[in-house]
Amino acid sequence: MALLALVWLGSSWRHAQSAGRVPPPPAGAQSTAVGAHLHDRHAAAARDPTSIGAIGPLCLAYHADMFYDHATACYALAIEVGRGDWRWTYYRALIQSERGGGGTLVDSLREVTERAPRFGPAWLRLGEAEFKAGRYDQAADAWRRVTALEEPASTGGEPPHRAEVPLSAYAEFGLARVAMVQSDPARARDILERLTTSGSKDVVVVPKVIAWMAGTFM
């Protein structure tokens, strides 16, 4: 009986600790509908704060409604509760990227790529973060990995931050940027010409590539 009591006390303590870390909805929710939705999600998470099935939806709701401070705090709890699930680290990295990135973003994305080496969006964002940090070889390595991967399927329930064009097109464009900063315009031109003649239907990257080619090589 004493052992059972200790187990129960330990479980109750962990439940209380986790419940205290569930971020409540902001006082100034944007609308009645948004506020009601967030309060429902928060109530479910507070009732079961050690369940990722309860915590995760609250984090995603904060993220989707752009309450980034609340989402970041929620993801920190989700990462602990959902141990081994890299998605929560990735979703938190999306917010870190929105806020300018830095070393924390690179560390987060490296962790994701280690756990999910075939998830192209993480490699794509890691390449961008490494490029902005001036680590061009590391950026090129990340982008090359993207070009070797299949386009990702939805991971389910994620925030609306997905690429709307082939990831490989963005990765190729990134490789051309690396070539340019490394003073190799011929390699950049080859990459861009291959991209613009590949038959891509991309309505974002290809016009950008053509404009860059016109200003750089002509």
N, C-alpha and C. Protein backbone atom coordinates (compact mmCIF):
# COMPACT_ATOMS: atom_id res chain seq x y z
N MET A 1 0.82 -1.21 0.00
CA MET A 1 0.00 0.00 0.00
C MET A 1 0.86 1.27 0.00
N ALA A 2 1.92 1.21 0.78
CA ALA A 2 2.80 2.38 0.85
C ALA A 2 3.41 2.67 -0.51
N LEU A 3 3.80 1.59 -1.22
CA LEU A 3 4.39 1.77 -2.55
C LEU A 3 3.37 2.37 -3.51
N LEU A 4 2.14 1.86 -3.47
CA LEU A 4 1.09 2.39 -4.34
C LEU A 4 0.83 3.86 -4.03
N ALA A 5 0.86 4.19 -2.76
CA ALA A 5 0.64 5.58 -2.38
C ALA A 5 1.74 6.48 -2.92
N LEU A 6 2.99 6.00 -2.87
CA LEU A 6 4.10 6.79 -3.40
C LEU A 6 3.98 6.98 -4.91
N VAL A 7 3.58 5.91 -5.60
CA VAL A 7 3.40 6.00 -7.05
C VAL A 7 2.31 7.01 -7.37
N TRP A 8 1.20 6.94 -6.62
CA TRP A 8 0.09 7.88 -6.85
C TRP A 8 0.51 9.31 -6.58
N LEU A 9 1.26 9.51 -5.51
CA LEU A 9 1.73 10.85 -5.19
C LEU A 9 2.67 11.39 -6.26
N GLY A 10 3.55 10.50 -6.75
CA GLY A 10 4.47 10.92 -7.80
C GLY A 10 3.74 11.31 -9.06
N SER A 11 2.75 10.50 -9.42
CA SER A 11 1.96 10.79 -10.62
C SER A 11 1.19 12.08 -10.46
N SER A 12 0.61 12.28 -9.29
CA SER A 12 -0.15 13.51 -9.04
C SER A 12 0.76 14.73 -9.09
N TRP A 13 1.97 14.59 -8.57
CA TRP A 13 2.92 15.71 -8.57
C TRP A 13 3.31 16.07 -10.00
N ARG A 14 3.60 15.04 -10.82
CA ARG A 14 3.97 15.31 -12.22
C ARG A 14 2.81 15.96 -12.96
N HIS A 15 1.59 15.48 -12.69
CA HIS A 15 0.41 16.06 -13.33
C HIS A 15 0.28 17.53 -12.96
N ALA A 16 0.44 17.85 -11.69
CA ALA A 16 0.31 19.23 -11.23
C ALA A 16 1.40 20.11 -11.81
N GLN A 17 2.64 19.58 -11.87
CA GLN A 17 3.74 20.35 -12.43
C GLN A 17 3.49 20.68 -13.88
N SER A 18 3.06 19.68 -14.65
CA SER A 18 2.80 19.87 -16.08
C SER A 18 1.62 20.82 -16.28
N ALA A 19 0.57 20.66 -15.48
CA ALA A 19 -0.61 21.52 -15.61
C ALA A 19 -0.24 22.99 -15.39
N GLY A 20 0.68 23.23 -14.47
CA GLY A 20 1.10 24.60 -14.19
C GLY A 20 1.89 25.23 -15.31
N ARG A 21 2.39 24.41 -16.22
CA ARG A 21 3.19 24.93 -17.34
C ARG A 21 2.38 25.09 -18.62
N VAL A 22 1.13 24.66 -18.62
CA VAL A 22 0.29 24.82 -19.81
C VAL A 22 -0.07 26.30 -19.94
N PRO A 23 0.40 26.98 -20.99
CA PRO A 23 0.14 28.42 -21.10
C PRO A 23 -1.33 28.71 -21.35
N PRO A 24 -1.94 29.58 -20.55
CA PRO A 24 -3.35 29.92 -20.76
C PRO A 24 -3.52 30.85 -21.95
N PRO A 25 -4.70 30.92 -22.51
CA PRO A 25 -4.93 31.80 -23.66
C PRO A 25 -4.65 33.25 -23.32
N PRO A 26 -4.21 34.04 -24.28
CA PRO A 26 -3.96 35.46 -24.02
C PRO A 26 -5.25 36.19 -23.68
N ALA A 27 -5.13 37.19 -22.85
CA ALA A 27 -6.32 37.94 -22.44
C ALA A 27 -6.99 38.61 -23.62
N GLY A 28 -6.19 39.07 -24.57
CA GLY A 28 -6.75 39.80 -25.70
C GLY A 28 -6.90 38.93 -26.94
N ALA A 29 -7.57 37.79 -26.82
CA ALA A 29 -7.82 36.94 -28.00
C ALA A 29 -8.54 37.77 -29.05
N GLN A 30 -8.23 37.52 -30.31
CA GLN A 30 -8.63 38.41 -31.40
C GLN A 30 -10.14 38.46 -31.62
N SER A 31 -10.85 37.42 -31.31
CA SER A 31 -12.29 37.42 -31.52
C SER A 31 -12.92 36.43 -30.57
N THR A 32 -14.22 36.50 -30.45
CA THR A 32 -14.94 35.57 -29.58
C THR A 32 -14.73 34.13 -30.03
N ALA A 33 -14.79 33.91 -31.36
CA ALA A 33 -14.62 32.56 -31.89
C ALA A 33 -13.21 32.04 -31.61
N VAL A 34 -12.21 32.88 -31.84
CA VAL A 34 -10.83 32.47 -31.57
C VAL A 34 -10.64 32.20 -30.09
N GLY A 35 -11.15 33.10 -29.26
CA GLY A 35 -11.00 32.95 -27.82
C GLY A 35 -11.66 31.67 -27.31
N ALA A 36 -12.86 31.38 -27.81
CA ALA A 36 -13.57 30.17 -27.37
C ALA A 36 -12.81 28.92 -27.78
N HIS A 37 -12.27 28.94 -28.99
CA HIS A 37 -11.50 27.78 -29.48
C HIS A 37 -10.26 27.56 -28.62
N LEU A 38 -9.55 28.62 -28.32
CA LEU A 38 -8.33 28.50 -27.52
C LEU A 38 -8.65 28.06 -26.09
N HIS A 39 -9.72 28.58 -25.53
CA HIS A 39 -10.08 28.18 -24.17
C HIS A 39 -10.47 26.71 -24.11
N ASP A 40 -11.14 26.22 -25.16
CA ASP A 40 -11.49 24.80 -25.21
C ASP A 40 -10.23 23.94 -25.27
N ARG A 41 -9.29 24.35 -26.13
CA ARG A 41 -8.04 23.60 -26.25
C ARG A 41 -7.25 23.63 -24.94
N HIS A 42 -7.24 24.79 -24.31
CA HIS A 42 -6.49 24.92 -23.06
C HIS A 42 -7.11 24.06 -21.96
N ALA A 43 -8.43 24.05 -21.90
CA ALA A 43 -9.11 23.25 -20.87
C ALA A 43 -8.77 21.77 -21.03
N ALA A 44 -8.76 21.31 -22.29
CA ALA A 44 -8.44 19.90 -22.54
C ALA A 44 -7.00 19.60 -22.14
N ALA A 45 -6.08 20.53 -22.45
CA ALA A 45 -4.67 20.32 -22.10
C ALA A 45 -4.46 20.37 -20.60
N ALA A 46 -5.16 21.26 -19.91
CA ALA A 46 -5.00 21.38 -18.47
C ALA A 46 -5.54 20.14 -17.74
N ARG A 47 -6.56 19.51 -18.34
CA ARG A 47 -7.11 18.29 -17.72
C ARG A 47 -6.16 17.12 -17.85
N ASP A 48 -5.38 17.12 -18.94
CA ASP A 48 -4.50 15.97 -19.20
C ASP A 48 -3.14 16.47 -19.69
N PRO A 49 -2.39 17.17 -18.84
CA PRO A 49 -1.17 17.84 -19.27
C PRO A 49 0.01 16.91 -19.57
N THR A 50 -0.14 15.63 -19.29
CA THR A 50 0.93 14.69 -19.61
C THR A 50 0.61 13.89 -20.87
N SER A 51 -0.43 14.29 -21.59
CA SER A 51 -0.81 13.62 -22.84
C SER A 51 -0.51 14.52 -24.02
N ILE A 52 0.30 14.05 -24.95
CA ILE A 52 0.62 14.85 -26.12
C ILE A 52 -0.63 15.04 -26.98
N GLY A 53 -1.59 14.12 -26.88
CA GLY A 53 -2.84 14.26 -27.61
C GLY A 53 -3.66 15.44 -27.13
N ALA A 54 -3.42 15.90 -25.91
CA ALA A 54 -4.11 17.06 -25.37
C ALA A 54 -3.26 18.33 -25.52
N ILE A 55 -1.97 18.20 -25.30
CA ILE A 55 -1.07 19.36 -25.38
C ILE A 55 -0.86 19.81 -26.82
N GLY A 56 -0.62 18.86 -27.72
CA GLY A 56 -0.29 19.20 -29.10
C GLY A 56 -1.30 20.11 -29.78
N PRO A 57 -2.60 19.80 -29.74
CA PRO A 57 -3.58 20.66 -30.39
C PRO A 57 -3.59 22.09 -29.87
N LEU A 58 -3.32 22.27 -28.58
CA LEU A 58 -3.25 23.62 -28.03
C LEU A 58 -2.07 24.38 -28.63
N CYS A 59 -0.91 23.72 -28.72
CA CYS A 59 0.27 24.36 -29.31
C CYS A 59 -0.01 24.78 -30.75
N LEU A 60 -0.60 23.89 -31.52
CA LEU A 60 -0.88 24.18 -32.92
C LEU A 60 -1.89 25.31 -33.06
N ALA A 61 -2.86 25.37 -32.14
CA ALA A 61 -3.85 26.45 -32.18
C ALA A 61 -3.19 27.80 -31.91
N TYR A 62 -2.32 27.86 -30.90
CA TYR A 62 -1.60 29.11 -30.64
C TYR A 62 -0.76 29.51 -31.84
N HIS A 63 -0.10 28.54 -32.43
CA HIS A 63 0.77 28.80 -33.57
C HIS A 63 -0.04 29.34 -34.75
N ALA A 64 -1.15 28.66 -35.07
CA ALA A 64 -1.97 29.06 -36.21
C ALA A 64 -2.55 30.46 -36.03
N ASP A 65 -2.85 30.84 -34.78
CA ASP A 65 -3.41 32.16 -34.50
C ASP A 65 -2.32 33.20 -34.22
N MET A 66 -1.06 32.81 -34.43
CA MET A 66 0.10 33.70 -34.35
C MET A 66 0.35 34.25 -32.94
N PHE A 67 -0.02 33.48 -31.94
CA PHE A 67 0.38 33.81 -30.57
C PHE A 67 1.69 33.08 -30.30
N TYR A 68 2.77 33.65 -30.82
CA TYR A 68 4.04 32.93 -30.86
C TYR A 68 4.65 32.68 -29.49
N ASP A 69 4.51 33.62 -28.56
CA ASP A 69 5.05 33.39 -27.22
C ASP A 69 4.34 32.20 -26.55
N HIS A 70 3.03 32.17 -26.69
CA HIS A 70 2.26 31.07 -26.11
C HIS A 70 2.60 29.75 -26.80
N ALA A 71 2.74 29.80 -28.12
CA ALA A 71 3.06 28.58 -28.86
C ALA A 71 4.44 28.06 -28.48
N THR A 72 5.40 28.97 -28.33
CA THR A 72 6.76 28.55 -27.98
C THR A 72 6.79 27.88 -26.61
N ALA A 73 6.09 28.46 -25.65
CA ALA A 73 6.03 27.85 -24.32
C ALA A 73 5.33 26.51 -24.37
N CYS A 74 4.29 26.43 -25.17
CA CYS A 74 3.54 25.18 -25.30
C CYS A 74 4.39 24.11 -25.97
N TYR A 75 5.13 24.48 -27.01
CA TYR A 75 5.99 23.50 -27.70
C TYR A 75 7.08 22.97 -26.77
N ALA A 76 7.58 23.83 -25.88
CA ALA A 76 8.59 23.36 -24.93
C ALA A 76 8.03 22.23 -24.07
N LEU A 77 6.77 22.36 -23.67
CA LEU A 77 6.13 21.30 -22.90
C LEU A 77 5.86 20.08 -23.78
N ALA A 78 5.42 20.33 -25.01
CA ALA A 78 5.13 19.22 -25.93
C ALA A 78 6.38 18.40 -26.23
N ILE A 79 7.52 19.05 -26.33
CA ILE A 79 8.77 18.35 -26.61
C ILE A 79 9.09 17.39 -25.46
N GLU A 80 8.80 17.81 -24.24
CA GLU A 80 9.03 16.94 -23.08
C GLU A 80 8.00 15.81 -23.01
N VAL A 81 6.74 16.17 -23.20
CA VAL A 81 5.67 15.18 -23.09
C VAL A 81 5.72 14.17 -24.23
N GLY A 82 5.98 14.65 -25.44
CA GLY A 82 6.01 13.77 -26.60
C GLY A 82 7.42 13.34 -26.95
N ARG A 83 8.13 12.88 -25.99
CA ARG A 83 9.54 12.50 -26.17
C ARG A 83 9.71 11.59 -27.40
N GLY A 84 10.70 11.95 -28.22
CA GLY A 84 10.99 11.14 -29.39
C GLY A 84 10.28 11.61 -30.64
N ASP A 85 9.30 12.52 -30.50
CA ASP A 85 8.58 13.03 -31.66
C ASP A 85 9.21 14.35 -32.09
N TRP A 86 9.91 14.31 -33.21
CA TRP A 86 10.66 15.47 -33.68
C TRP A 86 9.78 16.61 -34.18
N ARG A 87 8.52 16.32 -34.45
CA ARG A 87 7.67 17.35 -35.06
C ARG A 87 7.54 18.59 -34.18
N TRP A 88 7.51 18.42 -32.85
CA TRP A 88 7.32 19.57 -31.98
C TRP A 88 8.55 20.47 -32.01
N THR A 89 9.73 19.87 -32.12
CA THR A 89 10.95 20.68 -32.27
C THR A 89 10.92 21.42 -33.59
N TYR A 90 10.43 20.75 -34.64
CA TYR A 90 10.35 21.41 -35.95
C TYR A 90 9.36 22.57 -35.94
N TYR A 91 8.19 22.36 -35.35
CA TYR A 91 7.21 23.44 -35.30
C TYR A 91 7.74 24.63 -34.51
N ARG A 92 8.46 24.35 -33.42
CA ARG A 92 9.07 25.45 -32.67
C ARG A 92 10.11 26.16 -33.52
N ALA A 93 10.83 25.41 -34.34
CA ALA A 93 11.83 26.02 -35.22
C ALA A 93 11.18 26.96 -36.24
N LEU A 94 9.95 26.66 -36.65
CA LEU A 94 9.25 27.57 -37.56
C LEU A 94 9.07 28.94 -36.92
N ILE A 95 8.75 28.94 -35.64
CA ILE A 95 8.60 30.22 -34.94
C ILE A 95 9.95 30.90 -34.78
N GLN A 96 10.98 30.13 -34.45
CA GLN A 96 12.32 30.70 -34.35
C GLN A 96 12.74 31.34 -35.67
N SER A 97 12.37 30.71 -36.77
CA SER A 97 12.68 31.26 -38.09
C SER A 97 11.93 32.57 -38.32
N GLU A 98 10.65 32.61 -37.94
CA GLU A 98 9.85 33.82 -38.09
C GLU A 98 10.47 34.97 -37.31
N ARG A 99 11.16 34.64 -36.23
CA ARG A 99 11.71 35.67 -35.35
C ARG A 99 13.18 35.96 -35.62
N GLY A 100 13.68 35.52 -36.75
CA GLY A 100 15.03 35.89 -37.14
C GLY A 100 16.07 34.81 -37.05
N GLY A 101 15.71 33.66 -36.47
CA GLY A 101 16.63 32.53 -36.46
C GLY A 101 17.73 32.66 -35.44
N GLY A 102 18.97 32.53 -35.91
CA GLY A 102 20.11 32.54 -35.00
C GLY A 102 20.57 31.14 -34.66
N GLY A 103 21.48 31.06 -33.70
CA GLY A 103 22.07 29.78 -33.34
C GLY A 103 21.06 28.78 -32.82
N THR A 104 20.04 29.27 -32.11
CA THR A 104 19.02 28.37 -31.57
C THR A 104 18.28 27.67 -32.69
N LEU A 105 17.98 28.41 -33.75
CA LEU A 105 17.28 27.83 -34.90
C LEU A 105 18.13 26.74 -35.55
N VAL A 106 19.40 27.00 -35.76
CA VAL A 106 20.28 26.01 -36.37
C VAL A 106 20.33 24.75 -35.53
N ASP A 107 20.47 24.92 -34.21
CA ASP A 107 20.51 23.75 -33.32
C ASP A 107 19.22 22.95 -33.41
N SER A 108 18.09 23.63 -33.44
CA SER A 108 16.80 22.94 -33.53
C SER A 108 16.69 22.16 -34.83
N LEU A 109 17.06 22.78 -35.92
CA LEU A 109 16.93 22.12 -37.22
C LEU A 109 17.91 20.97 -37.37
N ARG A 110 19.09 21.12 -36.81
CA ARG A 110 20.03 19.99 -36.84
C ARG A 110 19.48 18.81 -36.07
N GLU A 111 18.84 19.10 -34.94
CA GLU A 111 18.23 18.02 -34.16
C GLU A 111 17.14 17.32 -34.97
N VAL A 112 16.34 18.11 -35.68
CA VAL A 112 15.26 17.52 -36.48
C VAL A 112 15.83 16.66 -37.60
N THR A 113 16.85 17.16 -38.29
CA THR A 113 17.41 16.39 -39.41
C THR A 113 18.08 15.10 -38.94
N GLU A 114 18.59 15.12 -37.72
CA GLU A 114 19.17 13.89 -37.16
C GLU A 114 18.09 12.86 -36.90
N ARG A 115 16.95 13.32 -36.41
CA ARG A 115 15.85 12.40 -36.06
C ARG A 115 15.01 12.02 -37.27
N ALA A 116 14.92 12.93 -38.24
CA ALA A 116 14.09 12.69 -39.43
C ALA A 116 14.88 13.05 -40.67
N PRO A 117 15.89 12.26 -41.02
CA PRO A 117 16.80 12.63 -42.11
C PRO A 117 16.15 12.68 -43.49
N ARG A 118 14.94 12.17 -43.64
CA ARG A 118 14.28 12.20 -44.93
C ARG A 118 13.18 13.27 -44.99
N PHE A 119 13.14 14.15 -44.01
CA PHE A 119 12.15 15.22 -44.00
C PHE A 119 12.76 16.46 -44.65
N GLY A 120 12.48 16.65 -45.93
CA GLY A 120 13.10 17.71 -46.71
C GLY A 120 12.91 19.12 -46.20
N PRO A 121 11.72 19.52 -45.71
CA PRO A 121 11.55 20.90 -45.25
C PRO A 121 12.55 21.31 -44.17
N ALA A 122 12.93 20.39 -43.31
CA ALA A 122 13.90 20.73 -42.27
C ALA A 122 15.27 21.00 -42.89
N TRP A 123 15.66 20.17 -43.85
CA TRP A 123 16.94 20.39 -44.53
C TRP A 123 16.92 21.73 -45.29
N LEU A 124 15.79 22.04 -45.92
CA LEU A 124 15.68 23.29 -46.66
C LEU A 124 15.87 24.49 -45.72
N ARG A 125 15.19 24.47 -44.59
CA ARG A 125 15.31 25.57 -43.65
C ARG A 125 16.69 25.60 -42.98
N LEU A 126 17.28 24.42 -42.78
CA LEU A 126 18.64 24.39 -42.22
C LEU A 126 19.61 25.03 -43.19
N GLY A 127 19.45 24.75 -44.48
CA GLY A 127 20.30 25.37 -45.48
C GLY A 127 20.21 26.88 -45.42
N GLU A 128 19.00 27.40 -45.31
CA GLU A 128 18.81 28.85 -45.25
C GLU A 128 19.45 29.43 -43.99
N ALA A 129 19.27 28.75 -42.87
CA ALA A 129 19.85 29.24 -41.61
C ALA A 129 21.38 29.23 -41.67
N GLU A 130 21.95 28.17 -42.23
CA GLU A 130 23.41 28.09 -42.35
C GLU A 130 23.92 29.17 -43.31
N PHE A 131 23.18 29.41 -44.39
CA PHE A 131 23.59 30.43 -45.36
C PHE A 131 23.62 31.80 -44.70
N LYS A 132 22.57 32.12 -43.94
CA LYS A 132 22.51 33.42 -43.28
C LYS A 132 23.62 33.58 -42.24
N ALA A 133 24.10 32.46 -41.70
CA ALA A 133 25.19 32.50 -40.73
C ALA A 133 26.56 32.53 -41.41
N GLY A 134 26.58 32.50 -42.74
CA GLY A 134 27.83 32.53 -43.48
C GLY A 134 28.54 31.21 -43.59
N ARG A 135 27.85 30.11 -43.24
CA ARG A 135 28.43 28.77 -43.35
C ARG A 135 27.95 28.16 -44.67
N TYR A 136 28.60 28.57 -45.75
CA TYR A 136 28.10 28.26 -47.08
C TYR A 136 28.25 26.79 -47.45
N ASP A 137 29.32 26.15 -47.02
CA ASP A 137 29.48 24.72 -47.33
C ASP A 137 28.40 23.90 -46.63
N GLN A 138 28.11 24.25 -45.38
CA GLN A 138 27.06 23.54 -44.66
C GLN A 138 25.69 23.80 -45.30
N ALA A 139 25.49 25.03 -45.77
CA ALA A 139 24.23 25.35 -46.44
C ALA A 139 24.08 24.52 -47.71
N ALA A 140 25.16 24.43 -48.48
CA ALA A 140 25.11 23.66 -49.73
C ALA A 140 24.85 22.19 -49.44
N ASP A 141 25.46 21.66 -48.40
CA ASP A 141 25.24 20.26 -48.05
C ASP A 141 23.78 20.01 -47.72
N ALA A 142 23.18 20.92 -46.94
CA ALA A 142 21.76 20.76 -46.58
C ALA A 142 20.88 20.83 -47.82
N TRP A 143 21.15 21.75 -48.70
CA TRP A 143 20.31 21.89 -49.90
C TRP A 143 20.49 20.73 -50.86
N ARG A 144 21.69 20.18 -50.95
CA ARG A 144 21.88 19.00 -51.81
C ARG A 144 21.06 17.83 -51.30
N ARG A 145 20.95 17.71 -49.99
CA ARG A 145 20.14 16.63 -49.43
C ARG A 145 18.67 16.78 -49.84
N VAL A 146 18.21 18.02 -49.93
CA VAL A 146 16.82 18.25 -50.34
C VAL A 146 16.60 17.75 -51.76
N THR A 147 17.54 18.02 -52.65
CA THR A 147 17.36 17.63 -54.05
C THR A 147 17.34 16.12 -54.22
N ALA A 148 17.87 15.38 -53.26
CA ALA A 148 17.91 13.93 -53.36
C ALA A 148 16.69 13.25 -52.73
N LEU A 149 15.81 14.05 -52.11
CA LEU A 149 14.67 13.49 -51.40
C LEU A 149 13.38 13.65 -52.19
N GLU A 150 12.42 12.80 -51.89
CA GLU A 150 11.09 12.94 -52.47
C GLU A 150 10.37 14.09 -51.79
N GLU A 151 9.40 14.67 -52.50
CA GLU A 151 8.60 15.73 -51.90
C GLU A 151 7.84 15.15 -50.71
N PRO A 152 7.79 15.87 -49.60
CA PRO A 152 7.19 15.31 -48.38
C PRO A 152 5.67 15.28 -48.43
N ALA A 153 5.11 14.28 -47.78
CA ALA A 153 3.67 14.27 -47.55
C ALA A 153 3.39 15.07 -46.29
N SER A 154 2.16 15.47 -46.08
CA SER A 154 1.79 16.20 -44.88
C SER A 154 2.04 15.35 -43.65
N THR A 155 2.58 15.98 -42.60
CA THR A 155 2.78 15.26 -41.34
C THR A 155 1.52 15.26 -40.50
N GLY A 156 0.49 15.98 -40.94
CA GLY A 156 -0.80 15.93 -40.25
C GLY A 156 -0.92 16.94 -39.13
N GLY A 157 -1.91 17.83 -39.24
CA GLY A 157 -2.20 18.76 -38.16
C GLY A 157 -1.20 19.87 -37.98
N GLU A 158 -0.32 20.08 -38.95
CA GLU A 158 0.73 21.05 -38.75
C GLU A 158 0.27 22.47 -39.02
N PRO A 159 1.01 23.47 -38.51
CA PRO A 159 0.66 24.86 -38.79
C PRO A 159 0.76 25.15 -40.28
N PRO A 160 0.09 26.19 -40.78
CA PRO A 160 0.09 26.48 -42.22
C PRO A 160 1.34 27.20 -42.65
N HIS A 161 2.48 26.51 -42.65
CA HIS A 161 3.75 27.10 -43.06
C HIS A 161 4.43 26.22 -44.10
N ARG A 162 3.67 25.53 -44.91
CA ARG A 162 4.27 24.59 -45.84
C ARG A 162 4.62 25.27 -47.15
N ALA A 163 5.67 24.78 -47.81
CA ALA A 163 6.03 25.30 -49.12
C ALA A 163 4.96 24.91 -50.13
N GLU A 164 4.64 25.82 -51.05
CA GLU A 164 3.62 25.58 -52.05
C GLU A 164 4.23 25.18 -53.38
N VAL A 165 5.54 25.09 -53.46
CA VAL A 165 6.24 24.73 -54.70
C VAL A 165 7.22 23.61 -54.37
N PRO A 166 7.76 22.94 -55.39
CA PRO A 166 8.70 21.85 -55.11
C PRO A 166 9.88 22.33 -54.27
N LEU A 167 10.18 21.60 -53.23
CA LEU A 167 11.30 21.97 -52.38
C LEU A 167 12.61 21.96 -53.15
N SER A 168 12.72 21.04 -54.11
CA SER A 168 13.96 20.94 -54.88
C SER A 168 14.25 22.23 -55.65
N ALA A 169 13.20 22.94 -56.09
CA ALA A 169 13.42 24.20 -56.81
C ALA A 169 14.04 25.23 -55.90
N TYR A 170 13.54 25.33 -54.67
CA TYR A 170 14.14 26.25 -53.71
C TYR A 170 15.58 25.83 -53.38
N ALA A 171 15.80 24.53 -53.26
CA ALA A 171 17.14 24.05 -52.93
C ALA A 171 18.13 24.36 -54.04
N GLU A 172 17.71 24.16 -55.29
CA GLU A 172 18.59 24.48 -56.42
C GLU A 172 18.91 25.97 -56.44
N PHE A 173 17.90 26.78 -56.18
CA PHE A 173 18.12 28.22 -56.13
C PHE A 173 19.12 28.56 -55.02
N GLY A 174 19.01 27.87 -53.89
CA GLY A 174 19.96 28.08 -52.80
C GLY A 174 21.38 27.71 -53.21
N LEU A 175 21.52 26.60 -53.93
CA LEU A 175 22.85 26.19 -54.39
C LEU A 175 23.45 27.23 -55.33
N ALA A 176 22.59 27.85 -56.14
CA ALA A 176 23.09 28.91 -57.02
C ALA A 176 23.55 30.12 -56.19
N ARG A 177 22.85 30.42 -55.13
CA ARG A 177 23.26 31.52 -54.25
C ARG A 177 24.62 31.22 -53.62
N VAL A 178 24.82 29.97 -53.21
CA VAL A 178 26.12 29.59 -52.64
C VAL A 178 27.22 29.78 -53.67
N ALA A 179 26.95 29.34 -54.90
CA ALA A 179 27.95 29.48 -55.95
C ALA A 179 28.32 30.95 -56.17
N MET A 180 27.33 31.82 -56.11
CA MET A 180 27.59 33.24 -56.34
C MET A 180 28.47 33.83 -55.23
N VAL A 181 28.14 33.52 -53.96
CA VAL A 181 28.94 34.10 -52.88
C VAL A 181 30.33 33.48 -52.82
N GLN A 182 30.49 32.31 -53.43
CA GLN A 182 31.81 31.68 -53.50
C GLN A 182 32.53 32.03 -54.80
N SER A 183 32.06 33.07 -55.45
CA SER A 183 32.70 33.61 -56.67
C SER A 183 32.80 32.59 -57.79
N ASP A 184 31.71 31.86 -58.01
CA ASP A 184 31.66 30.88 -59.09
C ASP A 184 30.39 31.12 -59.92
N PRO A 185 30.35 32.24 -60.66
CA PRO A 185 29.14 32.57 -61.42
C PRO A 185 28.81 31.55 -62.51
N ALA A 186 29.84 30.89 -63.04
CA ALA A 186 29.57 29.90 -64.09
C ALA A 186 28.74 28.74 -63.52
N ARG A 187 29.10 28.28 -62.33
CA ARG A 187 28.32 27.19 -61.70
C ARG A 187 26.92 27.67 -61.36
N ALA A 188 26.82 28.92 -60.89
CA ALA A 188 25.49 29.47 -60.58
C ALA A 188 24.64 29.52 -61.84
N ARG A 189 25.24 29.96 -62.95
CA ARG A 189 24.49 30.04 -64.20
C ARG A 189 24.02 28.67 -64.66
N ASP A 190 24.89 27.67 -64.53
CA ASP A 190 24.50 26.32 -64.92
C ASP A 190 23.31 25.82 -64.11
N ILE A 191 23.36 26.08 -62.81
CA ILE A 191 22.26 25.63 -61.94
C ILE A 191 20.96 26.34 -62.33
N LEU A 192 21.04 27.64 -62.54
CA LEU A 192 19.84 28.41 -62.85
C LEU A 192 19.26 28.05 -64.21
N GLU A 193 20.15 27.84 -65.18
CA GLU A 193 19.66 27.46 -66.50
C GLU A 193 18.98 26.10 -66.45
N ARG A 194 19.55 25.18 -65.69
CA ARG A 194 18.93 23.86 -65.54
C ARG A 194 17.57 23.98 -64.87
N LEU A 195 17.49 24.87 -63.90
CA LEU A 195 16.23 25.05 -63.18
C LEU A 195 15.17 25.67 -64.07
N THR A 196 15.54 26.68 -64.83
CA THR A 196 14.55 27.39 -65.64
C THR A 196 14.15 26.60 -66.88
N THR A 197 14.89 25.58 -67.24
CA THR A 197 14.52 24.76 -68.41
C THR A 197 14.02 23.38 -68.01
N SER A 198 13.76 23.20 -66.70
CA SER A 198 13.37 21.87 -66.23
C SER A 198 11.90 21.60 -66.36
N GLY A 199 11.12 22.60 -66.83
CA GLY A 199 9.70 22.39 -66.97
C GLY A 199 8.93 22.60 -65.69
N SER A 200 9.57 23.21 -64.68
CA SER A 200 8.89 23.44 -63.41
C SER A 200 7.72 24.38 -63.59
N LYS A 201 6.64 24.10 -62.87
CA LYS A 201 5.46 24.97 -62.89
C LYS A 201 5.50 26.00 -61.76
N ASP A 202 6.64 26.06 -61.11
CA ASP A 202 6.79 26.95 -59.96
C ASP A 202 6.51 28.39 -60.36
N VAL A 203 5.55 29.03 -59.69
CA VAL A 203 5.21 30.41 -60.01
C VAL A 203 5.93 31.40 -59.11
N VAL A 204 6.74 30.90 -58.19
CA VAL A 204 7.46 31.79 -57.27
C VAL A 204 8.94 31.83 -57.58
N VAL A 205 9.56 30.67 -57.64
CA VAL A 205 11.01 30.61 -57.76
C VAL A 205 11.48 30.96 -59.16
N VAL A 206 10.86 30.41 -60.20
CA VAL A 206 11.36 30.59 -61.56
C VAL A 206 11.40 32.06 -61.97
N PRO A 207 10.33 32.86 -61.77
CA PRO A 207 10.45 34.28 -62.10
C PRO A 207 11.56 34.96 -61.33
N LYS A 208 11.76 34.57 -60.08
CA LYS A 208 12.83 35.15 -59.27
C LYS A 208 14.19 34.80 -59.88
N VAL A 209 14.31 33.56 -60.33
CA VAL A 209 15.55 33.11 -60.96
C VAL A 209 15.82 33.89 -62.23
N ILE A 210 14.79 34.04 -63.07
CA ILE A 210 14.95 34.75 -64.34
C ILE A 210 15.37 36.20 -64.09
N ALA A 211 14.73 36.84 -63.11
CA ALA A 211 15.08 38.23 -62.80
C ALA A 211 16.52 38.33 -62.33
N TRP A 212 16.94 37.35 -61.50
CA TRP A 212 18.32 37.37 -61.00
C TRP A 212 19.31 37.14 -62.14
N MET A 213 18.98 36.22 -63.03
CA MET A 213 19.86 35.96 -64.16
C MET A 213 20.00 37.21 -65.02
N ALA A 214 18.88 37.90 -65.22
CA ALA A 214 18.93 39.10 -66.06
C ALA A 214 19.82 40.17 -65.45
N GLY A 215 19.76 40.32 -64.13
CA GLY A 215 20.56 41.33 -63.47
C GLY A 215 21.99 40.94 -63.24
N THR A 216 22.26 39.64 -63.21
CA THR A 216 23.61 39.18 -62.86
C THR A 216 24.45 38.83 -64.07
N PHE A 217 23.84 38.18 -65.06
CA PHE A 217 24.63 37.62 -66.15
C PHE A 217 24.45 38.37 -67.47
N MET A 218 23.52 39.32 -67.56
CA MET A 218 23.25 39.95 -68.86
C MET A 218 23.61 41.43 -68.84
